[in-house]
Amino acid sequence: DIDHLVPLEEAHTAGGWAWDRSYKTAFANSLGDPSHLVAVAAGVNRSKGSRTPLEWRPPSRAAWCWYARAWVAVKEQWQLRIAPDEAVALLELRSGC
């Protein structure tokens, strides 16, 4: 499966609601950042769904650092808000880096 690292629903909630249609389309289909759309096993994609780092973590602990860094990079690139509780979860993910 191809997974939006930052799910479309989360992007909408974090500020994407204000984007025009063309910017939303650009976010949904962006190939410029290899962390934005990620090839993953179908089961992993389905278990993650629209969850954020507050609610979901990669099954492999070895991927936690990458996931946290990539999540922040995508959010910053698209100027999406990181909620305070989301920031705490990201710090927890990066604690073992």
PDB file of N, CA and C in Angstrom:
ATOM      1  N   ASP A   1       0.828  -1.186   0.000  1.00  0.00           N
ATOM      2  CA  ASP A   1       0.000   0.000   0.000  1.00  0.00           C
ATOM      3  C   ASP A   1       0.873   1.251   0.000  1.00  0.00           C
ATOM      4  N   ILE A   2       0.285   2.338  -0.452  1.00  0.00           N
ATOM      5  CA  ILE A   2       0.933   3.645  -0.355  1.00  0.00           C
ATOM      6  C   ILE A   2       0.207   4.404   0.750  1.00  0.00           C
ATOM      7  N   ASP A   3       0.979   4.867   1.725  1.00  0.00           N
ATOM      8  CA  ASP A   3       0.423   5.530   2.905  1.00  0.00           C
ATOM      9  C   ASP A   3       0.822   7.003   2.920  1.00  0.00           C
ATOM     10  N   HIS A   4      -0.130   7.859   3.217  1.00  0.00           N
ATOM     11  CA  HIS A   4       0.208   9.254   3.514  1.00  0.00           C
ATOM     12  C   HIS A   4       0.769   9.245   4.934  1.00  0.00           C
ATOM     13  N   LEU A   5       2.031   9.578   5.092  1.00  0.00           N
ATOM     14  CA  LEU A   5       2.627   9.564   6.426  1.00  0.00           C
ATOM     15  C   LEU A   5       1.764  10.391   7.380  1.00  0.00           C
ATOM     16  N   VAL A   6       1.458  11.616   6.996  1.00  0.00           N
ATOM     17  CA  VAL A   6       0.493  12.436   7.725  1.00  0.00           C
ATOM     18  C   VAL A   6      -0.835  12.230   6.999  1.00  0.00           C
ATOM     19  N   PRO A   7      -1.760  11.519   7.622  1.00  0.00           N
ATOM     20  CA  PRO A   7      -3.017  11.198   6.940  1.00  0.00           C
ATOM     21  C   PRO A   7      -3.780  12.443   6.479  1.00  0.00           C
ATOM     22  N   LEU A   8      -4.547  12.280   5.413  1.00  0.00           N
ATOM     23  CA  LEU A   8      -5.324  13.389   4.871  1.00  0.00           C
ATOM     24  C   LEU A   8      -6.245  14.000   5.915  1.00  0.00           C
ATOM     25  N   GLU A   9      -6.874  13.167   6.720  1.00  0.00           N
ATOM     26  CA  GLU A   9      -7.764  13.677   7.764  1.00  0.00           C
ATOM     27  C   GLU A   9      -7.001  14.528   8.777  1.00  0.00           C
ATOM     28  N   GLU A  10      -5.809  14.082   9.158  1.00  0.00           N
ATOM     29  CA  GLU A  10      -4.986  14.837  10.106  1.00  0.00           C
ATOM     30  C   GLU A  10      -4.523  16.151   9.481  1.00  0.00           C
ATOM     31  N   ALA A  11      -4.145  16.117   8.208  1.00  0.00           N
ATOM     32  CA  ALA A  11      -3.736  17.353   7.537  1.00  0.00           C
ATOM     33  C   ALA A  11      -4.887  18.353   7.540  1.00  0.00           C
ATOM     34  N   HIS A  12      -6.079  17.896   7.286  1.00  0.00           N
ATOM     35  CA  HIS A  12      -7.256  18.766   7.295  1.00  0.00           C
ATOM     36  C   HIS A  12      -7.436  19.401   8.671  1.00  0.00           C
ATOM     37  N   THR A  13      -7.383  18.586   9.711  1.00  0.00           N
ATOM     38  CA  THR A  13      -7.572  19.058  11.088  1.00  0.00           C
ATOM     39  C   THR A  13      -6.485  20.028  11.512  1.00  0.00           C
ATOM     40  N   ALA A  14      -5.248  19.803  11.034  1.00  0.00           N
ATOM     41  CA  ALA A  14      -4.093  20.586  11.467  1.00  0.00           C
ATOM     42  C   ALA A  14      -3.876  21.861  10.657  1.00  0.00           C
ATOM     43  N   GLY A  15      -4.843  22.218   9.831  1.00  0.00           N
ATOM     44  CA  GLY A  15      -4.730  23.468   9.085  1.00  0.00           C
ATOM     45  C   GLY A  15      -5.098  23.356   7.623  1.00  0.00           C
ATOM     46  N   GLY A  16      -5.133  22.146   7.099  1.00  0.00           N
ATOM     47  CA  GLY A  16      -5.459  21.953   5.701  1.00  0.00           C
ATOM     48  C   GLY A  16      -6.884  22.323   5.339  1.00  0.00           C
ATOM     49  N   TRP A  17      -7.725  22.465   6.330  1.00  0.00           N
ATOM     50  CA  TRP A  17      -9.115  22.883   6.084  1.00  0.00           C
ATOM     51  C   TRP A  17      -9.160  24.232   5.361  1.00  0.00           C
ATOM     52  N   ALA A  18      -8.123  25.033   5.539  1.00  0.00           N
ATOM     53  CA  ALA A  18      -8.096  26.376   4.938  1.00  0.00           C
ATOM     54  C   ALA A  18      -7.497  26.383   3.528  1.00  0.00           C
ATOM     55  N   TRP A  19      -6.951  25.258   3.079  1.00  0.00           N
ATOM     56  CA  TRP A  19      -6.333  25.194   1.768  1.00  0.00           C
ATOM     57  C   TRP A  19      -7.381  25.218   0.663  1.00  0.00           C
ATOM     58  N   ASP A  20      -6.990  25.769  -0.491  1.00  0.00           N
ATOM     59  CA  ASP A  20      -7.879  25.672  -1.647  1.00  0.00           C
ATOM     60  C   ASP A  20      -7.728  24.281  -2.272  1.00  0.00           C
ATOM     61  N   ARG A  21      -8.605  23.989  -3.212  1.00  0.00           N
ATOM     62  CA  ARG A  21      -8.665  22.652  -3.812  1.00  0.00           C
ATOM     63  C   ARG A  21      -7.332  22.232  -4.443  1.00  0.00           C
ATOM     64  N   SER A  22      -6.657  23.140  -5.113  1.00  0.00           N
ATOM     65  CA  SER A  22      -5.405  22.779  -5.781  1.00  0.00           C
ATOM     66  C   SER A  22      -4.300  22.456  -4.770  1.00  0.00           C
ATOM     67  N   TYR A  23      -4.281  23.169  -3.642  1.00  0.00           N
ATOM     68  CA  TYR A  23      -3.262  22.896  -2.615  1.00  0.00           C
ATOM     69  C   TYR A  23      -3.545  21.558  -1.934  1.00  0.00           C
ATOM     70  N   LYS A  24      -4.827  21.265  -1.708  1.00  0.00           N
ATOM     71  CA  LYS A  24      -5.198  19.960  -1.139  1.00  0.00           C
ATOM     72  C   LYS A  24      -4.787  18.825  -2.077  1.00  0.00           C
ATOM     73  N   THR A  25      -4.992  19.035  -3.363  1.00  0.00           N
ATOM     74  CA  THR A  25      -4.597  18.037  -4.354  1.00  0.00           C
ATOM     75  C   THR A  25      -3.085  17.863  -4.359  1.00  0.00           C
ATOM     76  N   ALA A  26      -2.356  18.965  -4.260  1.00  0.00           N
ATOM     77  CA  ALA A  26      -0.893  18.901  -4.217  1.00  0.00           C
ATOM     78  C   ALA A  26      -0.430  18.105  -2.995  1.00  0.00           C
ATOM     79  N   PHE A  27      -1.044  18.338  -1.848  1.00  0.00           N
ATOM     80  CA  PHE A  27      -0.685  17.583  -0.644  1.00  0.00           C
ATOM     81  C   PHE A  27      -0.976  16.095  -0.842  1.00  0.00           C
ATOM     82  N   ALA A  28      -2.146  15.780  -1.344  1.00  0.00           N
ATOM     83  CA  ALA A  28      -2.563  14.385  -1.494  1.00  0.00           C
ATOM     84  C   ALA A  28      -1.667  13.608  -2.452  1.00  0.00           C
ATOM     85  N   ASN A  29      -1.075  14.294  -3.423  1.00  0.00           N
ATOM     86  CA  ASN A  29      -0.318  13.610  -4.469  1.00  0.00           C
ATOM     87  C   ASN A  29       1.163  13.956  -4.499  1.00  0.00           C
ATOM     88  N   SER A  30       1.673  14.590  -3.472  1.00  0.00           N
ATOM     89  CA  SER A  30       3.054  15.065  -3.478  1.00  0.00           C
ATOM     90  C   SER A  30       4.063  13.919  -3.562  1.00  0.00           C
ATOM     91  N   LEU A  31       4.933  14.019  -4.548  1.00  0.00           N
ATOM     92  CA  LEU A  31       6.011  13.042  -4.704  1.00  0.00           C
ATOM     93  C   LEU A  31       7.373  13.678  -4.452  1.00  0.00           C
ATOM     94  N   GLY A  32       7.393  14.944  -4.054  1.00  0.00           N
ATOM     95  CA  GLY A  32       8.638  15.667  -3.862  1.00  0.00           C
ATOM     96  C   GLY A  32       9.438  15.255  -2.641  1.00  0.00           C
ATOM     97  N   ASP A  33       8.797  14.674  -1.667  1.00  0.00           N
ATOM     98  CA  ASP A  33       9.447  14.259  -0.422  1.00  0.00           C
ATOM     99  C   ASP A  33       9.203  12.769  -0.248  1.00  0.00           C
ATOM    100  N   PRO A  34      10.265  11.956  -0.209  1.00  0.00           N
ATOM    101  CA  PRO A  34      10.074  10.508  -0.089  1.00  0.00           C
ATOM    102  C   PRO A  34       9.423  10.075   1.234  1.00  0.00           C
ATOM    103  N   SER A  35       9.333  10.969   2.194  1.00  0.00           N
ATOM    104  CA  SER A  35       8.678  10.645   3.467  1.00  0.00           C
ATOM    105  C   SER A  35       7.180  10.918   3.432  1.00  0.00           C
ATOM    106  N   HIS A  36       6.721  11.617   2.417  1.00  0.00           N
ATOM    107  CA  HIS A  36       5.322  12.029   2.363  1.00  0.00           C
ATOM    108  C   HIS A  36       4.393  10.863   2.018  1.00  0.00           C
ATOM    109  N   LEU A  37       4.670  10.182   0.938  1.00  0.00           N
ATOM    110  CA  LEU A  37       3.940   8.986   0.535  1.00  0.00           C
ATOM    111  C   LEU A  37       4.901   7.814   0.669  1.00  0.00           C
ATOM    112  N   VAL A  38       4.519   6.827   1.472  1.00  0.00           N
ATOM    113  CA  VAL A  38       5.437   5.757   1.842  1.00  0.00           C
ATOM    114  C   VAL A  38       4.831   4.397   1.494  1.00  0.00           C
ATOM    115  N   ALA A  39       5.630   3.533   0.887  1.00  0.00           N
ATOM    116  CA  ALA A  39       5.190   2.168   0.619  1.00  0.00           C
ATOM    117  C   ALA A  39       5.253   1.376   1.927  1.00  0.00           C
ATOM    118  N   VAL A  40       4.126   0.779   2.296  1.00  0.00           N
ATOM    119  CA  VAL A  40       4.045   0.006   3.537  1.00  0.00           C
ATOM    120  C   VAL A  40       3.230  -1.261   3.298  1.00  0.00           C
ATOM    121  N   ALA A  41       3.366  -2.218   4.200  1.00  0.00           N
ATOM    122  CA  ALA A  41       2.543  -3.421   4.145  1.00  0.00           C
ATOM    123  C   ALA A  41       1.081  -3.040   4.355  1.00  0.00           C
ATOM    124  N   ALA A  42       0.192  -3.716   3.673  1.00  0.00           N
ATOM    125  CA  ALA A  42      -1.242  -3.408   3.750  1.00  0.00           C
ATOM    126  C   ALA A  42      -1.747  -3.419   5.188  1.00  0.00           C
ATOM    127  N   GLY A  43      -1.321  -4.384   5.970  1.00  0.00           N
ATOM    128  CA  GLY A  43      -1.777  -4.474   7.362  1.00  0.00           C
ATOM    129  C   GLY A  43      -1.349  -3.285   8.205  1.00  0.00           C
ATOM    130  N   VAL A  44      -0.142  -2.796   7.957  1.00  0.00           N
ATOM    131  CA  VAL A  44       0.349  -1.629   8.689  1.00  0.00           C
ATOM    132  C   VAL A  44      -0.473  -0.398   8.309  1.00  0.00           C
ATOM    133  N   ASN A  45      -0.737  -0.241   7.023  1.00  0.00           N
ATOM    134  CA  ASN A  45      -1.517   0.905   6.561  1.00  0.00           C
ATOM    135  C   ASN A  45      -2.920   0.874   7.165  1.00  0.00           C
ATOM    136  N   ARG A  46      -3.517  -0.274   7.212  1.00  0.00           N
ATOM    137  CA  ARG A  46      -4.862  -0.376   7.757  1.00  0.00           C
ATOM    138  C   ARG A  46      -4.885  -0.178   9.272  1.00  0.00           C
ATOM    139  N   SER A  47      -3.856  -0.627   9.955  1.00  0.00           N
ATOM    140  CA  SER A  47      -3.821  -0.431  11.416  1.00  0.00           C
ATOM    141  C   SER A  47      -3.603   1.034  11.771  1.00  0.00           C
ATOM    142  N   LYS A  48      -2.871   1.757  10.931  1.00  0.00           N
ATOM    143  CA  LYS A  48      -2.623   3.182  11.174  1.00  0.00           C
ATOM    144  C   LYS A  48      -3.836   4.022  10.824  1.00  0.00           C
ATOM    145  N   GLY A  49      -4.401   3.797   9.653  1.00  0.00           N
ATOM    146  CA  GLY A  49      -5.549   4.583   9.221  1.00  0.00           C
ATOM    147  C   GLY A  49      -5.253   6.075   9.291  1.00  0.00           C
ATOM    148  N   SER A  50      -6.095   6.820   9.979  1.00  0.00           N
ATOM    149  CA  SER A  50      -5.930   8.278  10.123  1.00  0.00           C
ATOM    150  C   SER A  50      -5.313   8.651  11.466  1.00  0.00           C
ATOM    151  N   ARG A  51      -4.734   7.685  12.139  1.00  0.00           N
ATOM    152  CA  ARG A  51      -4.182   7.947  13.472  1.00  0.00           C
ATOM    153  C   ARG A  51      -2.900   8.778  13.409  1.00  0.00           C
ATOM    154  N   THR A  52      -2.667   9.499  14.497  1.00  0.00           N
ATOM    155  CA  THR A  52      -1.472  10.327  14.651  1.00  0.00           C
ATOM    156  C   THR A  52      -0.482   9.598  15.556  1.00  0.00           C
ATOM    157  N   PRO A  53       0.727  10.135  15.740  1.00  0.00           N
ATOM    158  CA  PRO A  53       1.683   9.510  16.668  1.00  0.00           C
ATOM    159  C   PRO A  53       1.152   9.405  18.103  1.00  0.00           C
ATOM    160  N   LEU A  54       0.155  10.180  18.415  1.00  0.00           N
ATOM    161  CA  LEU A  54      -0.469  10.087  19.736  1.00  0.00           C
ATOM    162  C   LEU A  54      -1.235   8.770  19.883  1.00  0.00           C
ATOM    163  N   GLU A  55      -1.731   8.252  18.765  1.00  0.00           N
ATOM    164  CA  GLU A  55      -2.603   7.072  18.788  1.00  0.00           C
ATOM    165  C   GLU A  55      -1.993   5.828  18.151  1.00  0.00           C
ATOM    166  N   TRP A  56      -0.918   5.991  17.368  1.00  0.00           N
ATOM    167  CA  TRP A  56      -0.351   4.864  16.627  1.00  0.00           C
ATOM    168  C   TRP A  56       1.155   5.020  16.516  1.00  0.00           C
ATOM    169  N   ARG A  57       1.831   3.883  16.544  1.00  0.00           N
ATOM    170  CA  ARG A  57       3.291   3.858  16.357  1.00  0.00           C
ATOM    171  C   ARG A  57       3.650   2.717  15.424  1.00  0.00           C
ATOM    172  N   PRO A  58       4.704   2.874  14.633  1.00  0.00           N
ATOM    173  CA  PRO A  58       5.110   1.765  13.769  1.00  0.00           C
ATOM    174  C   PRO A  58       5.363   0.512  14.605  1.00  0.00           C
ATOM    175  N   PRO A  59       4.984  -0.658  14.071  1.00  0.00           N
ATOM    176  CA  PRO A  59       5.176  -1.895  14.836  1.00  0.00           C
ATOM    177  C   PRO A  59       6.636  -2.171  15.191  1.00  0.00           C
ATOM    178  N   SER A  60       7.548  -1.750  14.318  1.00  0.00           N
ATOM    179  CA  SER A  60       8.970  -1.932  14.586  1.00  0.00           C
ATOM    180  C   SER A  60       9.502  -0.713  15.338  1.00  0.00           C
ATOM    181  N   ARG A  61       9.967  -0.949  16.537  1.00  0.00           N
ATOM    182  CA  ARG A  61      10.514   0.144  17.343  1.00  0.00           C
ATOM    183  C   ARG A  61      11.695   0.831  16.646  1.00  0.00           C
ATOM    184  N   ALA A  62      12.381   0.084  15.797  1.00  0.00           N
ATOM    185  CA  ALA A  62      13.519   0.640  15.048  1.00  0.00           C
ATOM    186  C   ALA A  62      13.081   1.753  14.096  1.00  0.00           C
ATOM    187  N   ALA A  63      11.815   1.787  13.744  1.00  0.00           N
ATOM    188  CA  ALA A  63      11.307   2.808  12.822  1.00  0.00           C
ATOM    189  C   ALA A  63      10.785   4.042  13.539  1.00  0.00           C
ATOM    190  N   TRP A  64      10.714   4.033  14.845  1.00  0.00           N
ATOM    191  CA  TRP A  64      10.115   5.146  15.588  1.00  0.00           C
ATOM    192  C   TRP A  64      10.836   6.469  15.357  1.00  0.00           C
ATOM    193  N   CYS A  65      12.160   6.463  15.375  1.00  0.00           N
ATOM    194  CA  CYS A  65      12.919   7.712  15.182  1.00  0.00           C
ATOM    195  C   CYS A  65      12.645   8.292  13.805  1.00  0.00           C
ATOM    196  N   TRP A  66      12.748   7.442  12.778  1.00  0.00           N
ATOM    197  CA  TRP A  66      12.477   7.907  11.422  1.00  0.00           C
ATOM    198  C   TRP A  66      11.059   8.459  11.321  1.00  0.00           C
ATOM    199  N   TYR A  67      10.096   7.722  11.845  1.00  0.00           N
ATOM    200  CA  TYR A  67       8.692   8.121  11.766  1.00  0.00           C
ATOM    201  C   TYR A  67       8.471   9.489  12.413  1.00  0.00           C
ATOM    202  N   ALA A  68       9.021   9.701  13.588  1.00  0.00           N
ATOM    203  CA  ALA A  68       8.849  10.981  14.291  1.00  0.00           C
ATOM    204  C   ALA A  68       9.491  12.120  13.509  1.00  0.00           C
ATOM    205  N   ARG A  69      10.710  11.913  13.032  1.00  0.00           N
ATOM    206  CA  ARG A  69      11.396  12.963  12.263  1.00  0.00           C
ATOM    207  C   ARG A  69      10.647  13.271  10.962  1.00  0.00           C
ATOM    208  N   ALA A  70      10.213  12.218  10.275  1.00  0.00           N
ATOM    209  CA  ALA A  70       9.508  12.407   9.008  1.00  0.00           C
ATOM    210  C   ALA A  70       8.165  13.093   9.233  1.00  0.00           C
ATOM    211  N   TRP A  71       7.467  12.739  10.304  1.00  0.00           N
ATOM    212  CA  TRP A  71       6.176  13.363  10.622  1.00  0.00           C
ATOM    213  C   TRP A  71       6.340  14.875  10.788  1.00  0.00           C
ATOM    214  N   VAL A  72       7.340  15.256  11.578  1.00  0.00           N
ATOM    215  CA  VAL A  72       7.597  16.677  11.813  1.00  0.00           C
ATOM    216  C   VAL A  72       7.993  17.371  10.507  1.00  0.00           C
ATOM    217  N   ALA A  73       8.818  16.737   9.699  1.00  0.00           N
ATOM    218  CA  ALA A  73       9.257  17.337   8.440  1.00  0.00           C
ATOM    219  C   ALA A  73       8.079  17.584   7.494  1.00  0.00           C
ATOM    220  N   VAL A  74       7.183  16.619   7.403  1.00  0.00           N
ATOM    221  CA  VAL A  74       6.011  16.799   6.531  1.00  0.00           C
ATOM    222  C   VAL A  74       5.123  17.912   7.077  1.00  0.00           C
ATOM    223  N   LYS A  75       4.899  17.915   8.389  1.00  0.00           N
ATOM    224  CA  LYS A  75       4.067  18.965   8.990  1.00  0.00           C
ATOM    225  C   LYS A  75       4.686  20.348   8.752  1.00  0.00           C
ATOM    226  N   GLU A  76       5.989  20.466   8.913  1.00  0.00           N
ATOM    227  CA  GLU A  76       6.646  21.758   8.701  1.00  0.00           C
ATOM    228  C   GLU A  76       6.592  22.172   7.237  1.00  0.00           C
ATOM    229  N   GLN A  77       6.854  21.233   6.337  1.00  0.00           N
ATOM    230  CA  GLN A  77       6.852  21.548   4.909  1.00  0.00           C
ATOM    231  C   GLN A  77       5.502  22.108   4.466  1.00  0.00           C
ATOM    232  N   TRP A  78       4.425  21.567   5.000  1.00  0.00           N
ATOM    233  CA  TRP A  78       3.075  21.979   4.599  1.00  0.00           C
ATOM    234  C   TRP A  78       2.462  22.971   5.579  1.00  0.00           C
ATOM    235  N   GLN A  79       3.260  23.446   6.515  1.00  0.00           N
ATOM    236  CA  GLN A  79       2.833  24.441   7.504  1.00  0.00           C
ATOM    237  C   GLN A  79       1.575  23.997   8.257  1.00  0.00           C
ATOM    238  N   LEU A  80       1.617  22.750   8.720  1.00  0.00           N
ATOM    239  CA  LEU A  80       0.519  22.187   9.494  1.00  0.00           C
ATOM    240  C   LEU A  80       0.847  22.258  10.979  1.00  0.00           C
ATOM    241  N   ARG A  81      -0.150  22.488  11.774  1.00  0.00           N
ATOM    242  CA  ARG A  81       0.004  22.647  13.220  1.00  0.00           C
ATOM    243  C   ARG A  81       0.335  21.300  13.878  1.00  0.00           C
ATOM    244  N   ILE A  82       1.227  21.349  14.851  1.00  0.00           N
ATOM    245  CA  ILE A  82       1.493  20.198  15.715  1.00  0.00           C
ATOM    246  C   ILE A  82       0.876  20.524  17.066  1.00  0.00           C
ATOM    247  N   ALA A  83      -0.123  19.747  17.438  1.00  0.00           N
ATOM    248  CA  ALA A  83      -0.829  19.974  18.698  1.00  0.00           C
ATOM    249  C   ALA A  83       0.093  19.653  19.873  1.00  0.00           C
ATOM    250  N   PRO A  84      -0.129  20.273  21.037  1.00  0.00           N
ATOM    251  CA  PRO A  84       0.736  20.023  22.197  1.00  0.00           C
ATOM    252  C   PRO A  84       0.836  18.544  22.580  1.00  0.00           C
ATOM    253  N   ASP A  85      -0.276  17.820  22.601  1.00  0.00           N
ATOM    254  CA  ASP A  85      -0.212  16.402  22.968  1.00  0.00           C
ATOM    255  C   ASP A  85       0.474  15.575  21.879  1.00  0.00           C
ATOM    256  N   GLU A  86       0.368  15.996  20.650  1.00  0.00           N
ATOM    257  CA  GLU A  86       1.072  15.364  19.539  1.00  0.00           C
ATOM    258  C   GLU A  86       2.579  15.576  19.700  1.00  0.00           C
ATOM    259  N   ALA A  87       2.986  16.777  20.108  1.00  0.00           N
ATOM    260  CA  ALA A  87       4.407  17.079  20.330  1.00  0.00           C
ATOM    261  C   ALA A  87       4.990  16.191  21.426  1.00  0.00           C
ATOM    262  N   VAL A  88       4.216  15.950  22.474  1.00  0.00           N
ATOM    263  CA  VAL A  88       4.670  15.067  23.559  1.00  0.00           C
ATOM    264  C   VAL A  88       4.871  13.651  23.024  1.00  0.00           C
ATOM    265  N   ALA A  89       3.929  13.170  22.236  1.00  0.00           N
ATOM    266  CA  ALA A  89       4.046  11.827  21.653  1.00  0.00           C
ATOM    267  C   ALA A  89       5.268  11.726  20.748  1.00  0.00           C
ATOM    268  N   LEU A  90       5.531  12.773  19.982  1.00  0.00           N
ATOM    269  CA  LEU A  90       6.715  12.773  19.108  1.00  0.00           C
ATOM    270  C   LEU A  90       8.000  12.751  19.918  1.00  0.00           C
ATOM    271  N   LEU A  91       8.026  13.466  21.027  1.00  0.00           N
ATOM    272  CA  LEU A  91       9.208  13.421  21.904  1.00  0.00           C
ATOM    273  C   LEU A  91       9.410  12.027  22.473  1.00  0.00           C
ATOM    274  N   GLU A  92       8.333  11.368  22.841  1.00  0.00           N
ATOM    275  CA  GLU A  92       8.434   9.984  23.345  1.00  0.00           C
ATOM    276  C   GLU A  92       8.997   9.072  22.280  1.00  0.00           C
ATOM    277  N   LEU A  93       8.527   9.224  21.054  1.00  0.00           N
ATOM    278  CA  LEU A  93       9.034   8.399  19.959  1.00  0.00           C
ATOM    279  C   LEU A  93      10.529   8.630  19.736  1.00  0.00           C
ATOM    280  N   ARG A  94      10.965   9.861  19.898  1.00  0.00           N
ATOM    281  CA  ARG A  94      12.374  10.198  19.631  1.00  0.00           C
ATOM    282  C   ARG A  94      13.270   9.992  20.844  1.00  0.00           C
ATOM    283  N   SER A  95      12.722   9.606  21.971  1.00  0.00           N
ATOM    284  CA  SER A  95      13.532   9.460  23.195  1.00  0.00           C
ATOM    285  C   SER A  95      14.622   8.400  23.058  1.00  0.00           C
ATOM    286  N   GLY A  96      14.424   7.423  22.223  1.00  0.00           N
ATOM    287  CA  GLY A  96      15.418   6.375  22.053  1.00  0.00           C
ATOM    288  C   GLY A  96      16.361   6.601  20.883  1.00  0.00           C
ATOM    289  N   CYS A  97      16.285   7.752  20.256  1.00  0.00           N
ATOM    290  CA  CYS A  97      17.118   8.003  19.064  1.00  0.00           C
ATOM    291  C   CYS A  97      18.568   8.263  19.441  1.00  0.00           C
TER     292      CYS A  97
END
